[in-house]
Every structure is written in C-alpha cells, then in structure tokens.
Amino acid sequence: MDMRIILHLVRHGRTLWNEERRYLGHEDQGILVEGREQLLPLREELRCRRFVRIYSSDLLRCRQTLHVILSDPNRGALPDDDMLGRFIPGVRYDPRLRELDFGEWEGKTYEDLQTDSLYRRWIDNPAEVTPPSGESWEAFRSRVQSFLSGLHLDVKELLHVEEAPVTLAQAEAEAEAEAEAEAEAEAEA
C-alpha cells in the first residue's frame, strides 16, 4: 500500500520588522495589513484542501497567518481583527517551530551590525558562532529535529503504522535506491 503525506510549509505574513529588514526571531510581532493581503492567493489555493493536522508556531504572526489562510473567503476579504491571532481549536501550536532566537541582535539590521566582528563571524559560520544571549545553531537544529521526530510519530499514529522510525538518512537512501531501481527497469524496457 502506497501512502503519501503532503506537507505544506507556510511562512508567516510580512511584519513591520520584515519590511525594515530587521532580525525577527522570538519577538512576538503581528503581521501587517499588507501581509494579510499577500496571503489571500495562498488561502484561495488551499481552500479546498482537507488537512489532517495543522501545526503552527505559537507566535502571534504565525497565528494571524493561519487565521487568514483558514478564513472563509465568503465571509469577507480578511478576518476581523478580533479573530486574528486567537488560538484555533485543534491546531497544534508548538514553540519548537519558532525562528532562531537572535538574542541581542533581535530588531537589528545588517547595517546596525555590519561592523561587529562577532556578527561577521556568525554570517560566515552560523553553526560555530552564537548571537549574544541568543540561540546556538545546535540548539536550534535540535529543537527543530525534536519537532520533526514528534511529527514522524504523530503521522505514524495517524496512519496506524507499526514499523520502527526511519532516520532521514535511511529514508533518503531508500528513496534513492527506489529511484535507481525504477530507472533501471525503464532502461531495460
């Protein structure tokens, strides 16, 4: 039995700091009206889809984005401000889906930081340099990996799959082997 999971990844609508090209990690900003309007084509594209699970960062900009995408286009162009940002029943809000915590660099621009030697080293090698009072690359990677592992278990539960979890490397190797076998079969035909 061939089952496919389609995972839709959506970035939040534009915020003021996005417009100003400022680092925005854990700062809890809402999206701009223009950001809401930019989401309307995506809302239209996804409106006929049925989602088994919806996961979102717990930050306001992500909750607002979700409200726009899930809102009924027949009830108006954009959801009311009263609705935007409320927690939606059934959605799994998870802080592990947050952006990197930029620490003291939150709200700063490249122009603000370009002469900072630590910042220059971080730009060159973010895996080795951590923003002051911020989150290391390893902590960020570990947090996202933890979410993905939980997602894997959640999907297995949804599909009632019993096999042991497959690592990403194993899954990639299996997919490559399968693709090679299909290519060889087509070449022989």
N, C-alpha and C. Protein backbone atom coordinates (compact mmCIF):
# COMPACT_ATOMS: atom_id res chain seq x y z
N MET A 1 0.86 -1.16 0.00
CA MET A 1 0.00 0.00 0.00
C MET A 1 0.91 1.23 0.00
N ASP A 2 0.68 2.13 -0.96
CA ASP A 2 1.48 3.34 -1.11
C ASP A 2 0.72 4.52 -0.51
N MET A 3 1.24 5.06 0.58
CA MET A 3 0.62 6.23 1.21
C MET A 3 1.57 7.40 1.06
N ARG A 4 1.01 8.54 0.75
CA ARG A 4 1.82 9.74 0.62
C ARG A 4 1.28 10.81 1.56
N ILE A 5 2.20 11.45 2.19
CA ILE A 5 1.88 12.57 3.07
C ILE A 5 2.35 13.83 2.35
N ILE A 6 1.49 14.80 2.24
CA ILE A 6 1.87 16.08 1.66
C ILE A 6 2.00 17.07 2.81
N LEU A 7 3.16 17.64 2.93
CA LEU A 7 3.45 18.59 3.99
C LEU A 7 3.52 19.98 3.37
N HIS A 8 2.66 20.86 3.81
CA HIS A 8 2.66 22.25 3.33
C HIS A 8 3.38 23.10 4.36
N LEU A 9 4.45 23.77 3.95
CA LEU A 9 5.17 24.67 4.84
C LEU A 9 4.84 26.09 4.41
N VAL A 10 4.40 26.90 5.37
CA VAL A 10 3.98 28.27 5.07
C VAL A 10 4.74 29.22 5.98
N ARG A 11 5.31 30.24 5.38
CA ARG A 11 5.96 31.28 6.18
C ARG A 11 4.90 32.31 6.54
N HIS A 12 5.06 32.93 7.69
CA HIS A 12 4.10 33.92 8.15
C HIS A 12 4.05 35.13 7.21
N GLY A 13 2.95 35.88 7.30
CA GLY A 13 2.81 37.11 6.53
C GLY A 13 3.82 38.15 6.99
N ARG A 14 4.00 39.17 6.18
CA ARG A 14 5.01 40.20 6.44
C ARG A 14 4.69 41.02 7.69
N THR A 15 5.74 41.30 8.44
CA THR A 15 5.65 42.12 9.64
C THR A 15 6.37 43.44 9.40
N LEU A 16 6.25 44.34 10.34
CA LEU A 16 6.97 45.61 10.25
C LEU A 16 8.47 45.37 10.18
N TRP A 17 8.98 44.48 11.03
CA TRP A 17 10.42 44.22 11.01
C TRP A 17 10.87 43.54 9.73
N ASN A 18 10.00 42.74 9.10
CA ASN A 18 10.35 42.20 7.78
C ASN A 18 10.52 43.35 6.79
N GLU A 19 9.59 44.29 6.83
CA GLU A 19 9.65 45.45 5.93
C GLU A 19 10.94 46.24 6.16
N GLU A 20 11.32 46.36 7.42
CA GLU A 20 12.50 47.15 7.77
C GLU A 20 13.79 46.32 7.72
N ARG A 21 13.67 45.06 7.33
CA ARG A 21 14.81 44.14 7.18
C ARG A 21 15.57 43.98 8.51
N ARG A 22 14.79 43.81 9.57
CA ARG A 22 15.35 43.60 10.90
C ARG A 22 15.29 42.12 11.25
N TYR A 23 16.24 41.66 12.05
CA TYR A 23 16.20 40.27 12.50
C TYR A 23 15.00 40.08 13.40
N LEU A 24 14.20 39.07 13.07
CA LEU A 24 12.97 38.78 13.81
C LEU A 24 12.95 37.29 14.14
N GLY A 25 13.21 36.98 15.38
CA GLY A 25 13.22 35.60 15.82
C GLY A 25 12.07 35.33 16.76
N HIS A 26 12.28 35.55 18.04
CA HIS A 26 11.27 35.25 19.05
C HIS A 26 10.43 36.47 19.43
N GLU A 27 10.75 37.63 18.91
CA GLU A 27 9.93 38.82 19.15
C GLU A 27 8.52 38.53 18.64
N ASP A 28 7.51 38.82 19.44
CA ASP A 28 6.14 38.43 19.12
C ASP A 28 5.38 39.55 18.42
N GLN A 29 5.66 39.73 17.15
CA GLN A 29 5.03 40.77 16.34
C GLN A 29 3.90 40.21 15.49
N GLY A 30 2.91 41.04 15.25
CA GLY A 30 1.82 40.67 14.36
C GLY A 30 2.17 41.00 12.91
N ILE A 31 1.32 40.54 12.01
CA ILE A 31 1.55 40.82 10.59
C ILE A 31 0.86 42.11 10.20
N LEU A 32 1.39 42.73 9.16
CA LEU A 32 0.82 43.97 8.63
C LEU A 32 -0.43 43.66 7.80
N VAL A 33 -1.26 44.67 7.57
CA VAL A 33 -2.42 44.51 6.70
C VAL A 33 -1.96 44.04 5.32
N GLU A 34 -0.85 44.61 4.84
CA GLU A 34 -0.31 44.17 3.54
C GLU A 34 0.09 42.70 3.58
N GLY A 35 0.61 42.28 4.73
CA GLY A 35 0.98 40.87 4.90
C GLY A 35 -0.23 39.97 4.84
N ARG A 36 -1.34 40.43 5.39
CA ARG A 36 -2.59 39.66 5.34
C ARG A 36 -3.05 39.54 3.88
N GLU A 37 -3.00 40.65 3.17
CA GLU A 37 -3.46 40.65 1.77
C GLU A 37 -2.59 39.75 0.90
N GLN A 38 -1.30 39.69 1.19
CA GLN A 38 -0.39 38.83 0.43
C GLN A 38 -0.72 37.35 0.61
N LEU A 39 -1.42 37.02 1.68
CA LEU A 39 -1.76 35.61 1.96
C LEU A 39 -3.03 35.15 1.24
N LEU A 40 -3.79 36.08 0.67
CA LEU A 40 -5.08 35.73 0.07
C LEU A 40 -4.95 34.73 -1.09
N PRO A 41 -3.97 34.87 -2.00
CA PRO A 41 -3.83 33.85 -3.06
C PRO A 41 -3.55 32.46 -2.48
N LEU A 42 -2.76 32.39 -1.42
CA LEU A 42 -2.49 31.09 -0.79
C LEU A 42 -3.75 30.54 -0.16
N ARG A 43 -4.53 31.40 0.48
CA ARG A 43 -5.82 30.96 1.05
C ARG A 43 -6.68 30.35 -0.05
N GLU A 44 -6.73 31.00 -1.20
CA GLU A 44 -7.54 30.50 -2.31
C GLU A 44 -7.00 29.16 -2.80
N GLU A 45 -5.70 29.05 -2.90
CA GLU A 45 -5.07 27.81 -3.38
C GLU A 45 -5.33 26.63 -2.44
N LEU A 46 -5.36 26.91 -1.14
CA LEU A 46 -5.50 25.83 -0.15
C LEU A 46 -6.93 25.61 0.33
N ARG A 47 -7.87 26.42 -0.11
CA ARG A 47 -9.21 26.39 0.49
C ARG A 47 -9.96 25.08 0.29
N CYS A 48 -9.68 24.34 -0.74
CA CYS A 48 -10.38 23.07 -0.98
C CYS A 48 -9.63 21.88 -0.39
N ARG A 49 -8.51 22.14 0.24
CA ARG A 49 -7.74 21.04 0.83
C ARG A 49 -8.27 20.69 2.20
N ARG A 50 -8.16 19.44 2.51
CA ARG A 50 -8.53 18.97 3.84
C ARG A 50 -7.23 18.61 4.55
N PHE A 51 -7.02 19.20 5.70
CA PHE A 51 -5.80 18.96 6.46
C PHE A 51 -6.10 18.03 7.63
N VAL A 52 -5.29 17.00 7.74
CA VAL A 52 -5.46 16.05 8.83
C VAL A 52 -4.93 16.66 10.13
N ARG A 53 -3.82 17.36 10.04
CA ARG A 53 -3.21 18.03 11.18
C ARG A 53 -2.69 19.39 10.73
N ILE A 54 -2.76 20.34 11.63
CA ILE A 54 -2.17 21.65 11.38
C ILE A 54 -1.28 21.98 12.57
N TYR A 55 -0.04 22.33 12.27
CA TYR A 55 0.93 22.70 13.28
C TYR A 55 1.33 24.15 13.00
N SER A 56 1.58 24.88 14.06
CA SER A 56 1.97 26.27 13.90
C SER A 56 2.87 26.69 15.05
N SER A 57 3.74 27.63 14.76
CA SER A 57 4.45 28.30 15.84
C SER A 57 3.41 28.97 16.72
N ASP A 58 3.75 29.18 17.95
CA ASP A 58 2.83 29.82 18.88
C ASP A 58 2.87 31.35 18.79
N LEU A 59 3.76 31.90 18.00
CA LEU A 59 3.91 33.36 17.92
C LEU A 59 2.74 34.00 17.18
N LEU A 60 2.43 35.24 17.56
CA LEU A 60 1.28 35.97 17.03
C LEU A 60 1.28 36.03 15.50
N ARG A 61 2.41 36.33 14.89
CA ARG A 61 2.45 36.47 13.43
C ARG A 61 2.04 35.16 12.73
N CYS A 62 2.36 34.03 13.35
CA CYS A 62 2.03 32.73 12.77
C CYS A 62 0.55 32.42 12.99
N ARG A 63 0.06 32.74 14.18
CA ARG A 63 -1.38 32.52 14.44
C ARG A 63 -2.22 33.40 13.52
N GLN A 64 -1.80 34.64 13.31
CA GLN A 64 -2.55 35.53 12.42
C GLN A 64 -2.52 35.01 10.98
N THR A 65 -1.37 34.54 10.55
CA THR A 65 -1.24 33.98 9.20
C THR A 65 -2.19 32.80 9.03
N LEU A 66 -2.23 31.94 10.02
CA LEU A 66 -3.12 30.78 9.98
C LEU A 66 -4.57 31.20 9.88
N HIS A 67 -4.96 32.23 10.62
CA HIS A 67 -6.34 32.72 10.57
C HIS A 67 -6.69 33.21 9.17
N VAL A 68 -5.79 33.92 8.53
CA VAL A 68 -6.06 34.41 7.17
C VAL A 68 -6.22 33.23 6.22
N ILE A 69 -5.29 32.29 6.29
CA ILE A 69 -5.32 31.15 5.37
C ILE A 69 -6.56 30.28 5.56
N LEU A 70 -6.98 30.12 6.81
CA LEU A 70 -8.12 29.24 7.08
C LEU A 70 -9.46 29.97 7.06
N SER A 71 -9.44 31.29 6.90
CA SER A 71 -10.70 32.04 6.93
C SER A 71 -11.55 31.75 5.70
N ASP A 72 -12.83 31.90 5.86
CA ASP A 72 -13.79 31.65 4.78
C ASP A 72 -13.84 32.86 3.85
N PRO A 73 -13.44 32.68 2.58
CA PRO A 73 -13.44 33.82 1.66
C PRO A 73 -14.85 34.39 1.42
N ASN A 74 -15.88 33.62 1.71
CA ASN A 74 -17.24 34.10 1.51
C ASN A 74 -17.69 35.06 2.62
N ARG A 75 -16.92 35.12 3.70
CA ARG A 75 -17.30 35.98 4.82
C ARG A 75 -16.55 37.30 4.82
N GLY A 76 -15.82 37.59 3.75
CA GLY A 76 -15.08 38.83 3.67
C GLY A 76 -13.66 38.58 3.23
N ALA A 77 -13.01 39.63 2.78
CA ALA A 77 -11.66 39.50 2.26
C ALA A 77 -10.67 39.06 3.34
N LEU A 78 -10.80 39.65 4.52
CA LEU A 78 -9.87 39.33 5.60
C LEU A 78 -10.65 39.10 6.89
N PRO A 79 -10.15 38.24 7.76
CA PRO A 79 -10.83 38.03 9.04
C PRO A 79 -10.79 39.31 9.88
N ASP A 80 -11.76 39.45 10.76
CA ASP A 80 -11.80 40.59 11.67
C ASP A 80 -10.58 40.60 12.56
N ASP A 81 -10.18 41.80 12.98
CA ASP A 81 -9.06 41.91 13.91
C ASP A 81 -9.33 41.16 15.20
N ASP A 82 -10.61 41.06 15.59
CA ASP A 82 -10.97 40.33 16.81
C ASP A 82 -10.58 38.86 16.70
N MET A 83 -10.64 38.31 15.50
CA MET A 83 -10.35 36.89 15.30
C MET A 83 -8.85 36.63 15.12
N LEU A 84 -8.17 37.57 14.47
CA LEU A 84 -6.76 37.35 14.15
C LEU A 84 -5.94 37.08 15.40
N GLY A 85 -5.16 36.03 15.36
CA GLY A 85 -4.26 35.74 16.45
C GLY A 85 -4.82 34.86 17.55
N ARG A 86 -6.14 34.63 17.55
CA ARG A 86 -6.69 33.72 18.56
C ARG A 86 -6.19 32.31 18.30
N PHE A 87 -6.14 31.53 19.35
CA PHE A 87 -5.76 30.13 19.18
C PHE A 87 -6.96 29.39 18.59
N ILE A 88 -6.71 28.61 17.56
CA ILE A 88 -7.76 27.87 16.87
C ILE A 88 -7.82 26.46 17.46
N PRO A 89 -9.00 26.03 17.90
CA PRO A 89 -9.11 24.67 18.44
C PRO A 89 -8.66 23.64 17.41
N GLY A 90 -7.91 22.65 17.88
CA GLY A 90 -7.45 21.58 17.01
C GLY A 90 -6.08 21.82 16.39
N VAL A 91 -5.65 23.06 16.33
CA VAL A 91 -4.32 23.37 15.79
C VAL A 91 -3.30 23.08 16.88
N ARG A 92 -2.19 22.51 16.50
CA ARG A 92 -1.13 22.20 17.46
C ARG A 92 -0.09 23.31 17.40
N TYR A 93 -0.10 24.16 18.41
CA TYR A 93 0.84 25.27 18.49
C TYR A 93 2.09 24.79 19.21
N ASP A 94 3.24 25.04 18.60
CA ASP A 94 4.46 24.47 19.14
C ASP A 94 5.59 25.49 19.07
N PRO A 95 6.17 25.87 20.21
CA PRO A 95 7.27 26.83 20.20
C PRO A 95 8.53 26.31 19.51
N ARG A 96 8.61 25.00 19.29
CA ARG A 96 9.77 24.46 18.58
C ARG A 96 9.79 24.91 17.12
N LEU A 97 8.66 25.44 16.61
CA LEU A 97 8.59 25.92 15.24
C LEU A 97 8.99 27.39 15.10
N ARG A 98 9.45 27.98 16.16
CA ARG A 98 9.89 29.38 16.09
C ARG A 98 11.20 29.52 15.32
N GLU A 99 11.40 30.72 14.82
CA GLU A 99 12.65 31.10 14.18
C GLU A 99 13.78 31.06 15.22
N LEU A 100 15.01 31.11 14.76
CA LEU A 100 16.17 31.20 15.64
C LEU A 100 16.02 32.40 16.57
N ASP A 101 16.40 32.25 17.83
CA ASP A 101 16.40 33.37 18.77
C ASP A 101 17.69 34.16 18.54
N PHE A 102 17.56 35.39 18.02
CA PHE A 102 18.72 36.20 17.70
C PHE A 102 19.27 36.97 18.90
N GLY A 103 18.68 36.77 20.07
CA GLY A 103 19.21 37.40 21.28
C GLY A 103 19.31 38.91 21.15
N GLU A 104 20.50 39.43 21.44
CA GLU A 104 20.73 40.88 21.39
C GLU A 104 20.64 41.44 19.97
N TRP A 105 20.62 40.59 18.98
CA TRP A 105 20.52 41.06 17.60
C TRP A 105 19.07 41.19 17.13
N GLU A 106 18.12 40.76 17.96
CA GLU A 106 16.69 40.93 17.61
C GLU A 106 16.44 42.41 17.32
N GLY A 107 15.77 42.69 16.23
CA GLY A 107 15.40 44.05 15.89
C GLY A 107 16.50 44.84 15.22
N LYS A 108 17.66 44.27 15.11
CA LYS A 108 18.78 44.96 14.46
C LYS A 108 18.78 44.66 12.97
N THR A 109 19.41 45.54 12.21
CA THR A 109 19.56 45.34 10.77
C THR A 109 21.01 44.98 10.45
N TYR A 110 21.24 44.59 9.23
CA TYR A 110 22.61 44.33 8.79
C TYR A 110 23.46 45.59 8.98
N GLU A 111 22.88 46.73 8.63
CA GLU A 111 23.61 48.00 8.76
C GLU A 111 23.98 48.26 10.22
N ASP A 112 23.11 47.91 11.16
CA ASP A 112 23.40 48.09 12.58
C ASP A 112 24.57 47.20 13.03
N LEU A 113 24.70 46.04 12.44
CA LEU A 113 25.63 45.03 12.94
C LEU A 113 26.87 44.81 12.08
N GLN A 114 26.93 45.39 10.91
CA GLN A 114 27.98 45.05 9.94
C GLN A 114 29.41 45.27 10.44
N THR A 115 29.61 46.14 11.40
CA THR A 115 30.97 46.36 11.91
C THR A 115 31.27 45.52 13.15
N ASP A 116 30.32 44.76 13.63
CA ASP A 116 30.51 43.89 14.80
C ASP A 116 31.24 42.62 14.35
N SER A 117 32.42 42.39 14.89
CA SER A 117 33.23 41.24 14.44
C SER A 117 32.54 39.90 14.75
N LEU A 118 31.84 39.81 15.87
CA LEU A 118 31.12 38.58 16.19
C LEU A 118 30.03 38.33 15.16
N TYR A 119 29.32 39.37 14.79
CA TYR A 119 28.28 39.25 13.77
C TYR A 119 28.88 38.79 12.44
N ARG A 120 30.01 39.37 12.05
CA ARG A 120 30.67 38.98 10.79
C ARG A 120 31.03 37.49 10.83
N ARG A 121 31.52 37.04 11.99
CA ARG A 121 31.87 35.61 12.11
C ARG A 121 30.61 34.74 12.05
N TRP A 122 29.51 35.22 12.64
CA TRP A 122 28.25 34.48 12.59
C TRP A 122 27.74 34.38 11.15
N ILE A 123 27.83 35.47 10.41
CA ILE A 123 27.41 35.47 8.99
C ILE A 123 28.20 34.40 8.23
N ASP A 124 29.51 34.34 8.50
CA ASP A 124 30.38 33.39 7.80
C ASP A 124 30.17 31.95 8.26
N ASN A 125 29.79 31.75 9.52
CA ASN A 125 29.68 30.39 10.04
C ASN A 125 28.67 30.34 11.19
N PRO A 126 27.36 30.37 10.87
CA PRO A 126 26.35 30.40 11.93
C PRO A 126 26.33 29.14 12.80
N ALA A 127 26.89 28.05 12.31
CA ALA A 127 26.92 26.83 13.11
C ALA A 127 27.97 26.91 14.22
N GLU A 128 28.93 27.81 14.09
CA GLU A 128 30.01 27.91 15.07
C GLU A 128 29.91 29.14 15.97
N VAL A 129 29.11 30.12 15.59
CA VAL A 129 29.02 31.37 16.35
C VAL A 129 27.57 31.58 16.77
N THR A 130 27.37 31.99 18.02
CA THR A 130 26.03 32.20 18.56
C THR A 130 25.81 33.68 18.82
N PRO A 131 24.64 34.22 18.42
CA PRO A 131 24.35 35.62 18.75
C PRO A 131 24.38 35.83 20.27
N PRO A 132 24.87 36.98 20.73
CA PRO A 132 24.90 37.24 22.17
C PRO A 132 23.52 37.07 22.80
N SER A 133 23.43 36.28 23.85
CA SER A 133 22.19 35.97 24.56
C SER A 133 21.16 35.29 23.65
N GLY A 134 21.62 34.77 22.53
CA GLY A 134 20.72 34.13 21.58
C GLY A 134 20.85 32.62 21.61
N GLU A 135 20.34 32.01 20.57
CA GLU A 135 20.28 30.55 20.48
C GLU A 135 21.38 30.04 19.56
N SER A 136 22.08 29.02 20.00
CA SER A 136 23.12 28.42 19.17
C SER A 136 22.48 27.66 18.01
N TRP A 137 23.26 27.48 16.97
CA TRP A 137 22.77 26.72 15.82
C TRP A 137 22.41 25.30 16.23
N GLU A 138 23.23 24.71 17.10
CA GLU A 138 22.98 23.34 17.56
C GLU A 138 21.66 23.27 18.34
N ALA A 139 21.40 24.26 19.19
CA ALA A 139 20.14 24.27 19.95
C ALA A 139 18.95 24.43 19.00
N PHE A 140 19.10 25.29 18.01
CA PHE A 140 18.06 25.50 17.01
C PHE A 140 17.80 24.21 16.23
N ARG A 141 18.87 23.59 15.75
CA ARG A 141 18.77 22.34 14.99
C ARG A 141 18.11 21.26 15.83
N SER A 142 18.53 21.16 17.08
CA SER A 142 17.99 20.15 17.98
C SER A 142 16.50 20.37 18.23
N ARG A 143 16.11 21.63 18.39
CA ARG A 143 14.70 21.97 18.63
C ARG A 143 13.84 21.58 17.42
N VAL A 144 14.31 21.90 16.23
CA VAL A 144 13.55 21.57 15.02
C VAL A 144 13.53 20.06 14.81
N GLN A 145 14.66 19.40 15.06
CA GLN A 145 14.71 17.94 14.93
C GLN A 145 13.76 17.28 15.91
N SER A 146 13.65 17.82 17.11
CA SER A 146 12.71 17.29 18.09
C SER A 146 11.27 17.39 17.57
N PHE A 147 10.95 18.53 16.96
CA PHE A 147 9.61 18.67 16.38
C PHE A 147 9.40 17.64 15.28
N LEU A 148 10.38 17.50 14.38
CA LEU A 148 10.24 16.57 13.26
C LEU A 148 10.10 15.13 13.74
N SER A 149 10.82 14.76 14.78
CA SER A 149 10.68 13.41 15.35
C SER A 149 9.27 13.21 15.89
N GLY A 150 8.76 14.22 16.58
CA GLY A 150 7.39 14.14 17.07
C GLY A 150 6.38 14.08 15.95
N LEU A 151 6.65 14.82 14.88
CA LEU A 151 5.78 14.80 13.70
C LEU A 151 5.76 13.41 13.09
N HIS A 152 6.93 12.80 13.01
CA HIS A 152 7.02 11.44 12.47
C HIS A 152 6.16 10.48 13.29
N LEU A 153 6.26 10.58 14.60
CA LEU A 153 5.46 9.70 15.46
C LEU A 153 3.97 10.00 15.32
N ASP A 154 3.63 11.27 15.19
CA ASP A 154 2.23 11.67 15.02
C ASP A 154 1.66 11.09 13.72
N VAL A 155 2.45 11.17 12.63
CA VAL A 155 2.00 10.63 11.35
C VAL A 155 1.85 9.12 11.44
N LYS A 156 2.80 8.46 12.08
CA LYS A 156 2.68 7.00 12.26
C LYS A 156 1.41 6.65 13.00
N GLU A 157 1.10 7.42 14.03
CA GLU A 157 -0.12 7.17 14.80
C GLU A 157 -1.36 7.39 13.94
N LEU A 158 -1.35 8.45 13.15
CA LEU A 158 -2.48 8.73 12.27
C LEU A 158 -2.72 7.60 11.28
N LEU A 159 -1.62 7.06 10.76
CA LEU A 159 -1.72 6.02 9.74
C LEU A 159 -1.72 4.61 10.32
N HIS A 160 -1.60 4.52 11.64
CA HIS A 160 -1.55 3.24 12.34
C HIS A 160 -0.41 2.37 11.81
N VAL A 161 0.77 2.99 11.66
CA VAL A 161 1.96 2.29 11.17
C VAL A 161 2.74 1.79 12.37
N GLU A 162 3.23 0.57 12.28
CA GLU A 162 3.90 -0.05 13.42
C GLU A 162 5.42 -0.12 13.31
N GLU A 163 6.01 0.14 12.12
CA GLU A 163 7.44 -0.08 11.96
C GLU A 163 8.26 0.92 12.77
N ALA A 164 9.53 0.56 12.95
CA ALA A 164 10.45 1.42 13.71
C ALA A 164 10.67 2.72 12.93
N PRO A 165 10.94 3.81 13.64
CA PRO A 165 11.17 5.07 12.95
C PRO A 165 12.39 5.00 12.04
N VAL A 166 12.29 5.64 10.91
CA VAL A 166 13.37 5.67 9.94
C VAL A 166 14.05 7.02 10.06
N THR A 167 15.38 7.01 10.08
CA THR A 167 16.08 8.28 10.13
C THR A 167 16.00 8.94 8.76
N LEU A 168 16.25 10.23 8.73
CA LEU A 168 16.21 10.96 7.46
C LEU A 168 17.22 10.36 6.48
N ALA A 169 18.40 10.02 6.96
CA ALA A 169 19.43 9.44 6.09
C ALA A 169 18.95 8.11 5.51
N GLN A 170 18.31 7.28 6.34
CA GLN A 170 17.80 6.00 5.86
C GLN A 170 16.69 6.22 4.83
N ALA A 171 15.81 7.15 5.10
CA ALA A 171 14.71 7.44 4.18
C ALA A 171 15.24 7.94 2.84
N GLU A 172 16.25 8.81 2.88
CA GLU A 172 16.84 9.32 1.65
C GLU A 172 17.51 8.19 0.87
N ALA A 173 18.25 7.32 1.56
CA ALA A 173 18.92 6.21 0.91
C ALA A 173 17.91 5.26 0.27
N GLU A 174 16.80 4.98 0.99
CA GLU A 174 15.76 4.11 0.44
C GLU A 174 15.11 4.76 -0.79
N ALA A 175 14.85 6.05 -0.73
CA ALA A 175 14.24 6.75 -1.87
C ALA A 175 15.17 6.74 -3.08
N GLU A 176 16.48 6.95 -2.85
CA GLU A 176 17.45 6.91 -3.95
C GLU A 176 17.52 5.52 -4.56
N ALA A 177 17.54 4.47 -3.73
CA ALA A 177 17.60 3.10 -4.22
C ALA A 177 16.35 2.77 -5.04
N GLU A 178 15.20 3.23 -4.55
CA GLU A 178 13.94 3.01 -5.27
C GLU A 178 13.95 3.72 -6.62
N ALA A 179 14.45 4.95 -6.64
CA ALA A 179 14.51 5.71 -7.89
C ALA A 179 15.48 5.05 -8.88
N GLU A 180 16.61 4.56 -8.39
CA GLU A 180 17.57 3.86 -9.25
C GLU A 180 16.95 2.60 -9.83
N ALA A 181 16.25 1.82 -9.01
CA ALA A 181 15.62 0.60 -9.47
C ALA A 181 14.56 0.90 -10.54
N GLU A 182 13.80 1.98 -10.34
CA GLU A 182 12.80 2.38 -11.34
C GLU A 182 13.48 2.80 -12.65
N ALA A 183 14.59 3.53 -12.55
CA ALA A 183 15.32 3.97 -13.74
C ALA A 183 15.89 2.78 -14.51
N GLU A 184 16.41 1.81 -13.76
CA GLU A 184 16.96 0.59 -14.40
C GLU A 184 15.84 -0.20 -15.08
N ALA A 185 14.69 -0.31 -14.44
CA ALA A 185 13.56 -1.03 -15.03
C ALA A 185 13.10 -0.34 -16.30
N GLU A 186 13.07 0.98 -16.31
CA GLU A 186 12.66 1.73 -17.52
C GLU A 186 13.69 1.55 -18.62
N ALA A 187 14.98 1.53 -18.27
CA ALA A 187 16.05 1.37 -19.26
C ALA A 187 15.99 -0.02 -19.92
N GLU A 188 15.62 -1.04 -19.13
CA GLU A 188 15.52 -2.40 -19.65
C GLU A 188 14.29 -2.60 -20.53
N ALA A 189 13.27 -1.79 -20.34
CA ALA A 189 12.02 -1.96 -21.07
C ALA A 189 12.09 -1.47 -22.49
